Amino acid sequence: MTYFEEALAFVMEKEGGNRKKGGFTDDKDDAGGKTKYGISEKAHPEVDIKKLTRKQAEDIYLEKYWLGNNCHKMPHAVGFFLFDTSVNLGNGQAGEILQRVVDADVDGKIGDKTIAAAQMIEVETVLKEFYEMRVKFYEDIAEKRNNHKYLNGWLNRASDCFEEAEKLVEVE
């Protein structure tokens, strides 16, 4: 299994949606709008969400989130955590959080300088701080929107992702 396939399996488990409706959800409280396999109408207005196939979703994940945020150029565990964070928060927000962690210029775009900075810091340190900042982001969003409906789910997902990423550090 490739690094991407490992990360994708984790994301697809978390982004399964309503299995009775083929992964489709339309929660009025979800800012992303209609969603299928974690691909939201808001983030992907060009996609017919109701007709989206799992393969099409996987292709979007590869192109936009994995390659689009250079997850493949990161240490394996960091790339895994960055990918899931990108899927859940968007590339820009995930990139900004990682850039704050590695003390790179914060523009939300993961390029050569951010990659080099991430490679200079111990992977465990990057993961721990990235996880803590992701949790803080979720808590801030829940407070700002005065909506805690999703907070426990977000926190559980971040924790699960952190645990999986930590396992990957051991095999690097």
N, C-alpha and C. Protein backbone atom coordinates (compact mmCIF):
# COMPACT_ATOMS: atom_id res chain seq x y z
N MET A 1 0.85 -1.18 0.00
CA MET A 1 0.00 0.00 0.00
C MET A 1 0.90 1.25 0.00
N THR A 2 0.58 2.20 -0.87
CA THR A 2 1.36 3.44 -0.94
C THR A 2 1.00 4.34 0.24
N TYR A 3 1.82 5.36 0.45
CA TYR A 3 1.54 6.34 1.51
C TYR A 3 0.18 6.99 1.28
N PHE A 4 -0.07 7.35 0.01
CA PHE A 4 -1.36 7.97 -0.29
C PHE A 4 -2.50 7.02 0.02
N GLU A 5 -2.39 5.77 -0.37
CA GLU A 5 -3.46 4.80 -0.13
C GLU A 5 -3.73 4.62 1.37
N GLU A 6 -2.68 4.65 2.18
CA GLU A 6 -2.86 4.57 3.63
C GLU A 6 -3.66 5.77 4.15
N ALA A 7 -3.24 6.95 3.70
CA ALA A 7 -3.92 8.18 4.14
C ALA A 7 -5.35 8.23 3.62
N LEU A 8 -5.54 7.81 2.38
CA LEU A 8 -6.87 7.80 1.78
C LEU A 8 -7.80 6.85 2.52
N ALA A 9 -7.30 5.69 2.91
CA ALA A 9 -8.13 4.72 3.65
C ALA A 9 -8.63 5.34 4.95
N PHE A 10 -7.75 6.08 5.64
CA PHE A 10 -8.15 6.74 6.88
C PHE A 10 -9.24 7.78 6.59
N VAL A 11 -9.00 8.62 5.60
CA VAL A 11 -9.96 9.68 5.27
C VAL A 11 -11.30 9.10 4.84
N MET A 12 -11.28 8.09 3.99
CA MET A 12 -12.54 7.52 3.52
C MET A 12 -13.33 6.87 4.66
N GLU A 13 -12.64 6.33 5.63
CA GLU A 13 -13.33 5.79 6.80
C GLU A 13 -14.04 6.91 7.56
N LYS A 14 -13.38 8.06 7.67
CA LYS A 14 -13.95 9.19 8.40
C LYS A 14 -14.99 9.95 7.58
N GLU A 15 -14.87 9.90 6.27
CA GLU A 15 -15.73 10.70 5.39
C GLU A 15 -16.80 9.87 4.68
N GLY A 16 -17.13 8.74 5.24
CA GLY A 16 -18.08 7.83 4.60
C GLY A 16 -19.46 8.40 4.37
N GLY A 17 -19.85 9.35 5.18
CA GLY A 17 -21.18 9.94 5.01
C GLY A 17 -22.28 8.97 5.37
N ASN A 18 -23.47 9.24 4.89
CA ASN A 18 -24.63 8.40 5.15
C ASN A 18 -24.56 7.17 4.23
N ARG A 19 -24.20 6.05 4.80
CA ARG A 19 -23.99 4.84 4.00
C ARG A 19 -25.28 4.37 3.31
N LYS A 20 -26.43 4.65 3.93
CA LYS A 20 -27.69 4.27 3.31
C LYS A 20 -27.97 5.08 2.05
N LYS A 21 -27.37 6.26 1.97
CA LYS A 21 -27.56 7.13 0.80
C LYS A 21 -26.30 7.17 -0.05
N GLY A 22 -25.49 6.12 0.01
CA GLY A 22 -24.28 6.06 -0.81
C GLY A 22 -23.24 7.09 -0.45
N GLY A 23 -23.18 7.48 0.82
CA GLY A 23 -22.19 8.44 1.27
C GLY A 23 -22.65 9.89 1.21
N PHE A 24 -23.85 10.14 0.72
CA PHE A 24 -24.36 11.50 0.54
C PHE A 24 -24.97 12.04 1.83
N THR A 25 -24.65 13.30 2.16
CA THR A 25 -25.29 13.99 3.28
C THR A 25 -25.65 15.41 2.85
N ASP A 26 -26.66 15.94 3.50
CA ASP A 26 -27.08 17.32 3.26
C ASP A 26 -27.56 17.88 4.60
N ASP A 27 -26.61 18.15 5.48
CA ASP A 27 -26.88 18.65 6.83
C ASP A 27 -26.98 20.17 6.78
N LYS A 28 -28.12 20.71 7.16
CA LYS A 28 -28.33 22.16 7.10
C LYS A 28 -27.34 22.93 7.97
N ASP A 29 -26.75 22.28 8.97
CA ASP A 29 -25.79 22.95 9.85
C ASP A 29 -24.35 22.84 9.35
N ASP A 30 -24.14 22.09 8.28
CA ASP A 30 -22.80 21.90 7.72
C ASP A 30 -22.53 23.00 6.70
N ALA A 31 -21.54 23.83 6.99
CA ALA A 31 -21.21 24.95 6.11
C ALA A 31 -20.79 24.49 4.72
N GLY A 32 -20.37 23.22 4.58
CA GLY A 32 -19.95 22.70 3.28
C GLY A 32 -21.10 22.39 2.35
N GLY A 33 -22.31 22.34 2.90
CA GLY A 33 -23.47 22.02 2.08
C GLY A 33 -23.53 20.53 1.77
N LYS A 34 -24.09 20.22 0.62
CA LYS A 34 -24.20 18.82 0.20
C LYS A 34 -22.79 18.22 0.13
N THR A 35 -22.67 17.00 0.65
CA THR A 35 -21.37 16.34 0.74
C THR A 35 -21.51 14.86 0.42
N LYS A 36 -20.51 14.34 -0.28
CA LYS A 36 -20.46 12.91 -0.56
C LYS A 36 -19.00 12.48 -0.52
N TYR A 37 -18.73 11.43 0.24
CA TYR A 37 -17.36 10.94 0.45
C TYR A 37 -16.43 12.04 0.95
N GLY A 38 -17.00 13.02 1.63
CA GLY A 38 -16.21 14.12 2.16
C GLY A 38 -15.96 15.24 1.17
N ILE A 39 -16.42 15.10 -0.05
CA ILE A 39 -16.27 16.15 -1.06
C ILE A 39 -17.50 17.04 -0.96
N SER A 40 -17.27 18.30 -0.61
CA SER A 40 -18.41 19.19 -0.36
C SER A 40 -18.72 20.07 -1.56
N GLU A 41 -19.98 20.43 -1.63
CA GLU A 41 -20.47 21.32 -2.68
C GLU A 41 -19.78 22.68 -2.60
N LYS A 42 -19.56 23.16 -1.39
CA LYS A 42 -18.95 24.48 -1.22
C LYS A 42 -17.51 24.48 -1.73
N ALA A 43 -16.73 23.47 -1.38
CA ALA A 43 -15.33 23.42 -1.79
C ALA A 43 -15.16 23.01 -3.25
N HIS A 44 -16.17 22.34 -3.80
CA HIS A 44 -16.09 21.81 -5.17
C HIS A 44 -17.38 22.11 -5.94
N PRO A 45 -17.66 23.39 -6.21
CA PRO A 45 -18.91 23.74 -6.89
C PRO A 45 -19.01 23.16 -8.30
N GLU A 46 -17.89 22.76 -8.88
CA GLU A 46 -17.88 22.20 -10.23
C GLU A 46 -18.31 20.73 -10.27
N VAL A 47 -18.47 20.11 -9.09
CA VAL A 47 -18.78 18.69 -9.01
C VAL A 47 -20.26 18.48 -8.72
N ASP A 48 -20.88 17.57 -9.46
CA ASP A 48 -22.26 17.16 -9.16
C ASP A 48 -22.17 16.18 -7.99
N ILE A 49 -22.36 16.68 -6.80
CA ILE A 49 -22.14 15.91 -5.58
C ILE A 49 -23.01 14.65 -5.54
N LYS A 50 -24.26 14.77 -5.92
CA LYS A 50 -25.15 13.60 -5.85
C LYS A 50 -24.67 12.47 -6.77
N LYS A 51 -24.06 12.80 -7.90
CA LYS A 51 -23.62 11.78 -8.86
C LYS A 51 -22.15 11.38 -8.68
N LEU A 52 -21.47 11.99 -7.74
CA LEU A 52 -20.06 11.71 -7.51
C LEU A 52 -19.84 10.24 -7.18
N THR A 53 -18.88 9.62 -7.86
CA THR A 53 -18.54 8.23 -7.56
C THR A 53 -17.38 8.20 -6.56
N ARG A 54 -17.21 7.08 -5.93
CA ARG A 54 -16.09 6.93 -5.00
C ARG A 54 -14.77 7.15 -5.73
N LYS A 55 -14.63 6.62 -6.91
CA LYS A 55 -13.39 6.77 -7.69
C LYS A 55 -13.13 8.24 -7.99
N GLN A 56 -14.17 8.99 -8.36
CA GLN A 56 -14.00 10.42 -8.63
C GLN A 56 -13.56 11.14 -7.35
N ALA A 57 -14.14 10.77 -6.22
CA ALA A 57 -13.74 11.37 -4.95
C ALA A 57 -12.28 11.06 -4.65
N GLU A 58 -11.87 9.83 -4.87
CA GLU A 58 -10.47 9.44 -4.64
C GLU A 58 -9.53 10.24 -5.53
N ASP A 59 -9.93 10.46 -6.79
CA ASP A 59 -9.11 11.26 -7.70
C ASP A 59 -8.99 12.71 -7.22
N ILE A 60 -10.08 13.26 -6.72
CA ILE A 60 -10.04 14.62 -6.17
C ILE A 60 -9.10 14.67 -4.97
N TYR A 61 -9.22 13.68 -4.10
CA TYR A 61 -8.33 13.64 -2.94
C TYR A 61 -6.87 13.59 -3.35
N LEU A 62 -6.55 12.78 -4.34
CA LEU A 62 -5.16 12.66 -4.80
C LEU A 62 -4.67 13.99 -5.36
N GLU A 63 -5.41 14.53 -6.32
CA GLU A 63 -4.95 15.73 -7.02
C GLU A 63 -4.98 16.99 -6.16
N LYS A 64 -6.13 17.24 -5.55
CA LYS A 64 -6.28 18.51 -4.84
C LYS A 64 -5.62 18.51 -3.46
N TYR A 65 -5.77 17.44 -2.72
CA TYR A 65 -5.33 17.46 -1.33
C TYR A 65 -3.96 16.82 -1.11
N TRP A 66 -3.72 15.64 -1.68
CA TRP A 66 -2.43 14.96 -1.46
C TRP A 66 -1.32 15.65 -2.25
N LEU A 67 -1.47 15.71 -3.55
CA LEU A 67 -0.46 16.36 -4.38
C LEU A 67 -0.53 17.88 -4.24
N GLY A 68 -1.76 18.40 -4.15
CA GLY A 68 -1.96 19.85 -4.06
C GLY A 68 -1.34 20.48 -2.83
N ASN A 69 -1.18 19.71 -1.78
CA ASN A 69 -0.56 20.24 -0.56
C ASN A 69 0.80 19.59 -0.31
N ASN A 70 1.33 18.94 -1.34
CA ASN A 70 2.67 18.33 -1.28
C ASN A 70 2.85 17.38 -0.11
N CYS A 71 1.80 16.66 0.23
CA CYS A 71 1.88 15.69 1.33
C CYS A 71 2.93 14.63 1.04
N HIS A 72 3.08 14.29 -0.23
CA HIS A 72 4.03 13.26 -0.66
C HIS A 72 5.49 13.68 -0.47
N LYS A 73 5.75 14.96 -0.24
CA LYS A 73 7.12 15.45 -0.06
C LYS A 73 7.48 15.62 1.42
N MET A 74 6.54 15.34 2.28
CA MET A 74 6.74 15.48 3.71
C MET A 74 7.21 14.15 4.30
N PRO A 75 7.78 14.20 5.52
CA PRO A 75 7.97 12.93 6.21
C PRO A 75 6.61 12.22 6.26
N HIS A 76 6.64 10.92 6.12
CA HIS A 76 5.41 10.13 5.95
C HIS A 76 4.33 10.49 6.98
N ALA A 77 4.67 10.50 8.25
CA ALA A 77 3.67 10.77 9.30
C ALA A 77 3.11 12.18 9.20
N VAL A 78 3.95 13.14 8.85
CA VAL A 78 3.50 14.53 8.71
C VAL A 78 2.60 14.66 7.48
N GLY A 79 2.97 14.01 6.39
CA GLY A 79 2.14 14.03 5.19
C GLY A 79 0.77 13.43 5.44
N PHE A 80 0.73 12.34 6.21
CA PHE A 80 -0.53 11.70 6.58
C PHE A 80 -1.42 12.67 7.35
N PHE A 81 -0.85 13.32 8.37
CA PHE A 81 -1.61 14.25 9.21
C PHE A 81 -2.02 15.49 8.42
N LEU A 82 -1.13 15.98 7.58
CA LEU A 82 -1.44 17.15 6.74
C LEU A 82 -2.57 16.84 5.78
N PHE A 83 -2.55 15.65 5.18
CA PHE A 83 -3.60 15.26 4.25
C PHE A 83 -4.97 15.28 4.92
N ASP A 84 -5.09 14.62 6.06
CA ASP A 84 -6.39 14.58 6.73
C ASP A 84 -6.82 15.98 7.17
N THR A 85 -5.87 16.77 7.64
CA THR A 85 -6.20 18.14 8.05
C THR A 85 -6.66 18.95 6.84
N SER A 86 -6.02 18.76 5.70
CA SER A 86 -6.39 19.47 4.48
C SER A 86 -7.80 19.11 4.04
N VAL A 87 -8.11 17.82 4.10
CA VAL A 87 -9.45 17.37 3.72
C VAL A 87 -10.49 17.99 4.64
N ASN A 88 -10.20 18.03 5.91
CA ASN A 88 -11.18 18.51 6.89
C ASN A 88 -11.27 20.03 6.96
N LEU A 89 -10.15 20.72 6.79
CA LEU A 89 -10.14 22.19 6.95
C LEU A 89 -9.91 22.96 5.66
N GLY A 90 -9.48 22.27 4.62
CA GLY A 90 -9.09 22.95 3.38
C GLY A 90 -7.57 23.09 3.33
N ASN A 91 -7.03 23.10 2.13
CA ASN A 91 -5.58 23.18 1.96
C ASN A 91 -4.97 24.40 2.62
N GLY A 92 -5.58 25.55 2.40
CA GLY A 92 -5.01 26.79 2.92
C GLY A 92 -4.91 26.81 4.43
N GLN A 93 -6.00 26.46 5.10
CA GLN A 93 -6.00 26.47 6.56
C GLN A 93 -5.03 25.44 7.11
N ALA A 94 -5.03 24.25 6.53
CA ALA A 94 -4.10 23.20 6.98
C ALA A 94 -2.66 23.65 6.76
N GLY A 95 -2.41 24.26 5.60
CA GLY A 95 -1.07 24.76 5.31
C GLY A 95 -0.63 25.83 6.29
N GLU A 96 -1.53 26.74 6.63
CA GLU A 96 -1.19 27.80 7.58
C GLU A 96 -0.85 27.22 8.96
N ILE A 97 -1.60 26.25 9.39
CA ILE A 97 -1.32 25.64 10.70
C ILE A 97 0.06 25.00 10.67
N LEU A 98 0.34 24.20 9.65
CA LEU A 98 1.66 23.56 9.56
C LEU A 98 2.77 24.61 9.49
N GLN A 99 2.57 25.66 8.74
CA GLN A 99 3.59 26.70 8.63
C GLN A 99 3.87 27.37 9.97
N ARG A 100 2.84 27.56 10.77
CA ARG A 100 3.06 28.11 12.12
C ARG A 100 3.88 27.13 12.97
N VAL A 101 3.58 25.85 12.83
CA VAL A 101 4.29 24.82 13.59
C VAL A 101 5.77 24.81 13.24
N VAL A 102 6.10 24.88 11.96
CA VAL A 102 7.50 24.76 11.53
C VAL A 102 8.19 26.11 11.38
N ASP A 103 7.50 27.18 11.75
CA ASP A 103 8.03 28.54 11.72
C ASP A 103 8.44 28.95 10.30
N ALA A 104 7.54 28.67 9.35
CA ALA A 104 7.74 29.09 7.96
C ALA A 104 6.83 30.29 7.69
N ASP A 105 7.10 30.98 6.58
CA ASP A 105 6.21 32.07 6.20
C ASP A 105 4.80 31.52 6.04
N VAL A 106 3.84 32.22 6.64
CA VAL A 106 2.45 31.73 6.64
C VAL A 106 1.67 32.33 5.48
N ASP A 107 1.47 31.48 4.47
CA ASP A 107 0.66 31.89 3.32
C ASP A 107 -0.33 30.79 2.91
N GLY A 108 -0.28 29.66 3.62
CA GLY A 108 -1.20 28.56 3.35
C GLY A 108 -0.80 27.69 2.18
N LYS A 109 0.28 28.03 1.50
CA LYS A 109 0.74 27.24 0.34
C LYS A 109 1.97 26.45 0.75
N ILE A 110 1.88 25.14 0.62
CA ILE A 110 2.98 24.27 1.01
C ILE A 110 3.95 24.15 -0.17
N GLY A 111 5.04 24.88 -0.07
CA GLY A 111 6.06 24.86 -1.12
C GLY A 111 7.39 24.39 -0.54
N ASP A 112 8.45 24.63 -1.30
CA ASP A 112 9.77 24.13 -0.93
C ASP A 112 10.25 24.60 0.44
N LYS A 113 9.98 25.85 0.78
CA LYS A 113 10.46 26.37 2.07
C LYS A 113 9.74 25.70 3.24
N THR A 114 8.45 25.50 3.12
CA THR A 114 7.70 24.83 4.18
C THR A 114 8.13 23.37 4.29
N ILE A 115 8.31 22.72 3.15
CA ILE A 115 8.75 21.32 3.15
C ILE A 115 10.11 21.20 3.83
N ALA A 116 11.05 22.08 3.47
CA ALA A 116 12.38 22.05 4.08
C ALA A 116 12.30 22.30 5.58
N ALA A 117 11.48 23.26 5.98
CA ALA A 117 11.33 23.56 7.41
C ALA A 117 10.76 22.37 8.16
N ALA A 118 9.78 21.69 7.57
CA ALA A 118 9.17 20.52 8.21
C ALA A 118 10.16 19.37 8.33
N GLN A 119 11.08 19.27 7.39
CA GLN A 119 12.07 18.20 7.42
C GLN A 119 13.20 18.46 8.41
N MET A 120 13.31 19.69 8.88
CA MET A 120 14.39 20.06 9.80
C MET A 120 14.02 19.81 11.27
N ILE A 121 12.77 19.58 11.53
CA ILE A 121 12.28 19.42 12.91
C ILE A 121 11.92 17.96 13.13
N GLU A 122 12.18 17.49 14.33
CA GLU A 122 11.83 16.11 14.67
C GLU A 122 10.35 15.86 14.38
N VAL A 123 10.06 14.76 13.69
CA VAL A 123 8.70 14.45 13.25
C VAL A 123 7.73 14.43 14.43
N GLU A 124 8.12 13.83 15.54
CA GLU A 124 7.23 13.76 16.70
C GLU A 124 6.84 15.15 17.19
N THR A 125 7.79 16.08 17.15
CA THR A 125 7.53 17.45 17.58
C THR A 125 6.54 18.13 16.64
N VAL A 126 6.75 17.96 15.33
CA VAL A 126 5.84 18.55 14.35
C VAL A 126 4.43 18.00 14.55
N LEU A 127 4.32 16.68 14.68
CA LEU A 127 3.00 16.07 14.86
C LEU A 127 2.29 16.58 16.10
N LYS A 128 3.00 16.59 17.21
CA LYS A 128 2.39 17.01 18.48
C LYS A 128 1.88 18.45 18.39
N GLU A 129 2.71 19.34 17.89
CA GLU A 129 2.30 20.75 17.79
C GLU A 129 1.21 20.95 16.74
N PHE A 130 1.29 20.22 15.64
CA PHE A 130 0.28 20.30 14.58
C PHE A 130 -1.07 19.84 15.16
N TYR A 131 -1.05 18.74 15.88
CA TYR A 131 -2.27 18.22 16.51
C TYR A 131 -2.85 19.26 17.49
N GLU A 132 -2.01 19.82 18.33
CA GLU A 132 -2.49 20.80 19.33
C GLU A 132 -3.09 22.02 18.65
N MET A 133 -2.47 22.49 17.57
CA MET A 133 -3.00 23.66 16.87
C MET A 133 -4.29 23.33 16.13
N ARG A 134 -4.40 22.11 15.64
CA ARG A 134 -5.64 21.69 14.97
C ARG A 134 -6.78 21.65 15.98
N VAL A 135 -6.53 21.11 17.15
CA VAL A 135 -7.54 21.07 18.20
C VAL A 135 -7.96 22.48 18.58
N LYS A 136 -7.01 23.36 18.74
CA LYS A 136 -7.31 24.76 19.10
C LYS A 136 -8.15 25.41 18.00
N PHE A 137 -7.85 25.12 16.75
CA PHE A 137 -8.62 25.67 15.65
C PHE A 137 -10.08 25.23 15.74
N TYR A 138 -10.31 23.94 15.99
CA TYR A 138 -11.67 23.43 16.12
C TYR A 138 -12.40 24.09 17.28
N GLU A 139 -11.74 24.21 18.39
CA GLU A 139 -12.37 24.84 19.57
C GLU A 139 -12.72 26.29 19.28
N ASP A 140 -11.83 26.99 18.60
CA ASP A 140 -12.09 28.39 18.24
C ASP A 140 -13.27 28.51 17.28
N ILE A 141 -13.35 27.62 16.31
CA ILE A 141 -14.47 27.63 15.34
C ILE A 141 -15.79 27.39 16.07
N ALA A 142 -15.82 26.42 16.95
CA ALA A 142 -17.05 26.11 17.69
C ALA A 142 -17.50 27.31 18.50
N GLU A 143 -16.56 27.99 19.14
CA GLU A 143 -16.89 29.18 19.93
C GLU A 143 -17.35 30.33 19.02
N LYS A 144 -16.61 30.56 17.96
CA LYS A 144 -16.92 31.67 17.06
C LYS A 144 -18.31 31.52 16.45
N ARG A 145 -18.67 30.32 16.07
CA ARG A 145 -19.97 30.07 15.45
C ARG A 145 -21.05 29.79 16.48
N ASN A 146 -20.63 29.71 17.74
CA ASN A 146 -21.54 29.34 18.82
C ASN A 146 -22.31 28.07 18.45
N ASN A 147 -21.56 27.12 17.93
CA ASN A 147 -22.13 25.86 17.48
C ASN A 147 -21.15 24.74 17.81
N HIS A 148 -21.48 23.95 18.80
CA HIS A 148 -20.61 22.87 19.25
C HIS A 148 -21.05 21.51 18.72
N LYS A 149 -21.98 21.52 17.77
CA LYS A 149 -22.57 20.28 17.25
C LYS A 149 -21.51 19.30 16.75
N TYR A 150 -20.50 19.80 16.07
CA TYR A 150 -19.50 18.94 15.45
C TYR A 150 -18.21 18.81 16.26
N LEU A 151 -18.09 19.58 17.34
CA LEU A 151 -16.80 19.66 18.04
C LEU A 151 -16.28 18.31 18.50
N ASN A 152 -17.09 17.50 19.14
CA ASN A 152 -16.59 16.20 19.61
C ASN A 152 -16.13 15.33 18.45
N GLY A 153 -16.85 15.34 17.36
CA GLY A 153 -16.45 14.58 16.19
C GLY A 153 -15.12 15.06 15.61
N TRP A 154 -14.97 16.38 15.54
CA TRP A 154 -13.71 16.95 15.04
C TRP A 154 -12.54 16.56 15.94
N LEU A 155 -12.76 16.69 17.25
CA LEU A 155 -11.69 16.37 18.20
C LEU A 155 -11.34 14.88 18.15
N ASN A 156 -12.36 14.04 18.03
CA ASN A 156 -12.10 12.60 17.93
C ASN A 156 -11.33 12.27 16.65
N ARG A 157 -11.70 12.91 15.57
CA ARG A 157 -11.00 12.67 14.30
C ARG A 157 -9.55 13.11 14.40
N ALA A 158 -9.32 14.28 14.95
CA ALA A 158 -7.94 14.76 15.09
C ALA A 158 -7.13 13.81 15.97
N SER A 159 -7.72 13.35 17.04
CA SER A 159 -7.04 12.41 17.93
C SER A 159 -6.74 11.09 17.23
N ASP A 160 -7.71 10.55 16.51
CA ASP A 160 -7.51 9.31 15.77
C ASP A 160 -6.40 9.48 14.72
N CYS A 161 -6.41 10.60 14.03
CA CYS A 161 -5.41 10.86 13.01
C CYS A 161 -4.02 10.97 13.64
N PHE A 162 -3.94 11.66 14.76
CA PHE A 162 -2.67 11.80 15.48
C PHE A 162 -2.14 10.44 15.89
N GLU A 163 -3.01 9.59 16.41
CA GLU A 163 -2.59 8.25 16.83
C GLU A 163 -2.08 7.44 15.64
N GLU A 164 -2.78 7.52 14.51
CA GLU A 164 -2.34 6.78 13.32
C GLU A 164 -1.01 7.34 12.81
N ALA A 165 -0.86 8.65 12.81
CA ALA A 165 0.38 9.27 12.35
C ALA A 165 1.55 8.89 13.26
N GLU A 166 1.30 8.82 14.56
CA GLU A 166 2.37 8.41 15.49
C GLU A 166 2.86 6.99 15.18
N LYS A 167 1.95 6.11 14.79
CA LYS A 167 2.35 4.75 14.41
C LYS A 167 3.28 4.76 13.20
N LEU A 168 3.06 5.71 12.31
CA LEU A 168 3.87 5.80 11.11
C LEU A 168 5.29 6.29 11.41
N VAL A 169 5.43 7.06 12.48
CA VAL A 169 6.76 7.55 12.88
C VAL A 169 7.64 6.35 13.22
N GLU A 170 7.04 5.35 13.85
CA GLU A 170 7.79 4.18 14.28
C GLU A 170 8.34 3.37 13.11
N VAL A 171 7.71 3.45 11.94
CA VAL A 171 8.16 2.66 10.80
C VAL A 171 9.03 3.47 9.82
N GLU A 172 9.16 4.76 10.06
CA GLU A 172 9.98 5.59 9.16
C GLU A 172 11.45 5.33 9.38
